[in-house]
Amino acid sequence: KEGMMDKIQSWRGRVKEVQAQFADNAKTTFVCVCIPEFLSVYETERLVQELMKYNIDVENIVVNQLVLKPSSEPACKMCAARQKIQGKYLAQIKDLYEDFHVVQMPMHCDEVRGVEALK
């Protein structure tokens, strides 16, 4: 029984260390990544509220998979519909997070993996 109590005390100490590091803005920040759709925006807002409740730095949001029309291609009916839907949620993101750094990333034809693919 005593060995178990020692383990619990050890874990408690580690948890406090992690909490302190998460709350230290010089060491930790969270970057939320969402897509411009209802559920993702809703869950992002829940995450931001929880992080703020614990004084964890969160001031960056990446909005991923935006459907953009290449200027050289004719308009696509589905793409136009997605742009309209995404525009609604992008406007909500801009309103909710006006003091945040919001980065908009377009949807790509291929899977984006690694830094080089982002350039």
C-alpha atoms as a PDB file:
ATOM      1  CA  LYS A   1       0.000   0.000   0.000  1.00  0.00           C
ATOM      2  CA  GLU A   2       2.852   2.405   0.800  1.00  0.00           C
ATOM      3  CA  GLY A   3       4.460   1.811  -2.604  1.00  0.00           C
ATOM      4  CA  MET A   4       1.203   2.760  -4.286  1.00  0.00           C
ATOM      5  CA  MET A   5       0.998   6.024  -2.314  1.00  0.00           C
ATOM      6  CA  ASP A   6       4.577   6.877  -3.334  1.00  0.00           C
ATOM      7  CA  LYS A   7       3.652   6.367  -7.001  1.00  0.00           C
ATOM      8  CA  ILE A   8       0.580   8.555  -6.646  1.00  0.00           C
ATOM      9  CA  GLN A   9       2.638  11.327  -5.019  1.00  0.00           C
ATOM     10  CA  SER A  10       5.239  11.027  -7.801  1.00  0.00           C
ATOM     11  CA  TRP A  11       2.551  11.298 -10.501  1.00  0.00           C
ATOM     12  CA  ARG A  12       0.965  14.240  -8.705  1.00  0.00           C
ATOM     13  CA  GLY A  13       4.313  16.055  -8.801  1.00  0.00           C
ATOM     14  CA  ARG A  14       4.746  15.350 -12.519  1.00  0.00           C
ATOM     15  CA  VAL A  15       1.230  16.546 -13.284  1.00  0.00           C
ATOM     16  CA  LYS A  16       1.941  19.825 -11.458  1.00  0.00           C
ATOM     17  CA  GLU A  17       5.161  20.245 -13.466  1.00  0.00           C
ATOM     18  CA  VAL A  18       3.262  19.700 -16.736  1.00  0.00           C
ATOM     19  CA  GLN A  19       0.539  22.133 -15.672  1.00  0.00           C
ATOM     20  CA  ALA A  20       3.156  24.759 -14.842  1.00  0.00           C
ATOM     21  CA  GLN A  21       4.872  24.282 -18.195  1.00  0.00           C
ATOM     22  CA  PHE A  22       1.578  24.504 -20.095  1.00  0.00           C
ATOM     23  CA  ALA A  23       0.717  27.738 -18.277  1.00  0.00           C
ATOM     24  CA  ASP A  24       4.150  29.271 -19.046  1.00  0.00           C
ATOM     25  CA  ASN A  25       3.648  31.324 -22.239  1.00  0.00           C
ATOM     26  CA  ALA A  26       7.409  31.443 -22.802  1.00  0.00           C
ATOM     27  CA  LYS A  27       7.530  27.637 -23.078  1.00  0.00           C
ATOM     28  CA  THR A  28       4.158  26.553 -24.445  1.00  0.00           C
ATOM     29  CA  THR A  29       1.532  27.745 -26.859  1.00  0.00           C
ATOM     30  CA  PHE A  30      -1.247  25.820 -28.551  1.00  0.00           C
ATOM     31  CA  VAL A  31      -2.009  26.214 -32.238  1.00  0.00           C
ATOM     32  CA  CYS A  32      -5.547  25.149 -33.069  1.00  0.00           C
ATOM     33  CA  VAL A  33      -6.173  23.674 -36.503  1.00  0.00           C
ATOM     34  CA  CYS A  34      -9.703  23.561 -37.865  1.00  0.00           C
ATOM     35  CA  ILE A  35     -11.614  23.402 -41.112  1.00  0.00           C
ATOM     36  CA  PRO A  36     -14.337  25.931 -42.000  1.00  0.00           C
ATOM     37  CA  GLU A  37     -17.320  23.734 -41.117  1.00  0.00           C
ATOM     38  CA  PHE A  38     -19.800  23.848 -38.250  1.00  0.00           C
ATOM     39  CA  LEU A  39     -18.532  21.012 -36.061  1.00  0.00           C
ATOM     40  CA  SER A  40     -14.880  21.948 -36.413  1.00  0.00           C
ATOM     41  CA  VAL A  41     -15.507  25.613 -35.550  1.00  0.00           C
ATOM     42  CA  TYR A  42     -17.665  24.554 -32.600  1.00  0.00           C
ATOM     43  CA  GLU A  43     -15.026  22.145 -31.248  1.00  0.00           C
ATOM     44  CA  THR A  44     -12.281  24.726 -31.770  1.00  0.00           C
ATOM     45  CA  GLU A  45     -14.220  27.236 -29.700  1.00  0.00           C
ATOM     46  CA  ARG A  46     -14.685  24.658 -26.932  1.00  0.00           C
ATOM     47  CA  LEU A  47     -10.942  23.935 -26.990  1.00  0.00           C
ATOM     48  CA  VAL A  48     -10.008  27.627 -26.891  1.00  0.00           C
ATOM     49  CA  GLN A  49     -12.349  28.242 -23.938  1.00  0.00           C
ATOM     50  CA  GLU A  50     -10.910  25.281 -21.996  1.00  0.00           C
ATOM     51  CA  LEU A  51      -7.322  26.322 -22.656  1.00  0.00           C
ATOM     52  CA  MET A  52      -8.065  29.901 -21.599  1.00  0.00           C
ATOM     53  CA  LYS A  53      -9.757  28.651 -18.435  1.00  0.00           C
ATOM     54  CA  TYR A  54      -6.411  27.128 -17.424  1.00  0.00           C
ATOM     55  CA  ASN A  55      -4.373  30.165 -18.570  1.00  0.00           C
ATOM     56  CA  ILE A  56      -2.799  28.207 -21.410  1.00  0.00           C
ATOM     57  CA  ASP A  57      -1.615  30.377 -24.294  1.00  0.00           C
ATOM     58  CA  VAL A  58      -3.688  29.954 -27.432  1.00  0.00           C
ATOM     59  CA  GLU A  59      -3.652  32.779 -29.959  1.00  0.00           C
ATOM     60  CA  ASN A  60      -2.989  31.014 -33.245  1.00  0.00           C
ATOM     61  CA  ILE A  61      -5.519  29.226 -35.423  1.00  0.00           C
ATOM     62  CA  VAL A  62      -4.899  27.512 -38.743  1.00  0.00           C
ATOM     63  CA  VAL A  63      -7.951  27.196 -40.980  1.00  0.00           C
ATOM     64  CA  ASN A  64      -7.189  24.260 -43.230  1.00  0.00           C
ATOM     65  CA  GLN A  65      -8.626  22.905 -46.498  1.00  0.00           C
ATOM     66  CA  LEU A  66     -10.066  26.116 -47.895  1.00  0.00           C
ATOM     67  CA  VAL A  67     -11.466  25.603 -51.381  1.00  0.00           C
ATOM     68  CA  LEU A  68     -10.027  28.307 -53.617  1.00  0.00           C
ATOM     69  CA  LYS A  69     -10.749  28.687 -57.309  1.00  0.00           C
ATOM     70  CA  PRO A  70      -7.593  28.871 -59.393  1.00  0.00           C
ATOM     71  CA  SER A  71      -7.935  31.957 -61.577  1.00  0.00           C
ATOM     72  CA  SER A  72      -6.987  30.037 -64.718  1.00  0.00           C
ATOM     73  CA  GLU A  73      -9.742  27.417 -64.395  1.00  0.00           C
ATOM     74  CA  PRO A  74     -13.479  27.747 -65.053  1.00  0.00           C
ATOM     75  CA  ALA A  75     -15.776  27.874 -62.042  1.00  0.00           C
ATOM     76  CA  CYS A  76     -16.803  24.497 -60.627  1.00  0.00           C
ATOM     77  CA  LYS A  77     -20.356  24.183 -59.262  1.00  0.00           C
ATOM     78  CA  MET A  78     -19.289  22.069 -56.288  1.00  0.00           C
ATOM     79  CA  CYS A  79     -16.304  24.318 -55.561  1.00  0.00           C
ATOM     80  CA  ALA A  80     -18.548  27.389 -55.614  1.00  0.00           C
ATOM     81  CA  ALA A  81     -20.962  25.694 -53.189  1.00  0.00           C
ATOM     82  CA  ARG A  82     -18.084  24.747 -50.841  1.00  0.00           C
ATOM     83  CA  GLN A  83     -16.677  28.286 -51.041  1.00  0.00           C
ATOM     84  CA  LYS A  84     -20.058  29.697 -49.998  1.00  0.00           C
ATOM     85  CA  ILE A  85     -20.346  27.327 -47.018  1.00  0.00           C
ATOM     86  CA  GLN A  86     -16.735  27.887 -46.019  1.00  0.00           C
ATOM     87  CA  GLY A  87     -17.133  31.650 -46.359  1.00  0.00           C
ATOM     88  CA  LYS A  88     -19.880  31.599 -43.729  1.00  0.00           C
ATOM     89  CA  TYR A  89     -17.692  29.761 -41.224  1.00  0.00           C
ATOM     90  CA  LEU A  90     -14.591  31.736 -42.125  1.00  0.00           C
ATOM     91  CA  ALA A  91     -16.511  34.910 -41.269  1.00  0.00           C
ATOM     92  CA  GLN A  92     -17.467  33.379 -37.905  1.00  0.00           C
ATOM     93  CA  ILE A  93     -13.829  32.467 -37.253  1.00  0.00           C
ATOM     94  CA  LYS A  94     -12.751  36.029 -38.042  1.00  0.00           C
ATOM     95  CA  ASP A  95     -15.397  37.417 -35.659  1.00  0.00           C
ATOM     96  CA  LEU A  96     -14.657  34.970 -32.841  1.00  0.00           C
ATOM     97  CA  TYR A  97     -10.895  35.298 -33.080  1.00  0.00           C
ATOM     98  CA  GLU A  98     -10.308  38.891 -34.149  1.00  0.00           C
ATOM     99  CA  ASP A  99      -7.396  39.178 -31.692  1.00  0.00           C
ATOM    100  CA  PHE A 100      -5.829  35.880 -32.796  1.00  0.00           C
ATOM    101  CA  HIS A 101      -3.346  35.158 -35.542  1.00  0.00           C
ATOM    102  CA  VAL A 102      -5.491  33.246 -38.067  1.00  0.00           C
ATOM    103  CA  VAL A 103      -3.712  31.517 -40.946  1.00  0.00           C
ATOM    104  CA  GLN A 104      -5.735  30.356 -43.948  1.00  0.00           C
ATOM    105  CA  MET A 105      -4.457  27.294 -45.812  1.00  0.00           C
ATOM    106  CA  PRO A 106      -5.918  26.193 -49.146  1.00  0.00           C
ATOM    107  CA  MET A 107      -6.933  22.645 -49.977  1.00  0.00           C
ATOM    108  CA  HIS A 108      -4.385  20.930 -52.205  1.00  0.00           C
ATOM    109  CA  CYS A 109      -4.867  18.194 -54.787  1.00  0.00           C
ATOM    110  CA  ASP A 110      -2.218  16.083 -53.076  1.00  0.00           C
ATOM    111  CA  GLU A 111      -1.679  15.221 -49.436  1.00  0.00           C
ATOM    112  CA  VAL A 112       0.483  17.849 -47.739  1.00  0.00           C
ATOM    113  CA  ARG A 113       3.270  16.251 -45.719  1.00  0.00           C
ATOM    114  CA  GLY A 114       6.328  18.052 -44.416  1.00  0.00           C
ATOM    115  CA  VAL A 115       7.602  21.590 -44.526  1.00  0.00           C
ATOM    116  CA  GLU A 116       8.608  21.495 -48.185  1.00  0.00           C
ATOM    117  CA  ALA A 117       5.032  20.687 -49.259  1.00  0.00           C
ATOM    118  CA  LEU A 118       3.814  23.793 -47.452  1.00  0.00           C
ATOM    119  CA  LYS A 119       6.053  26.169 -49.409  1.00  0.00           C
END
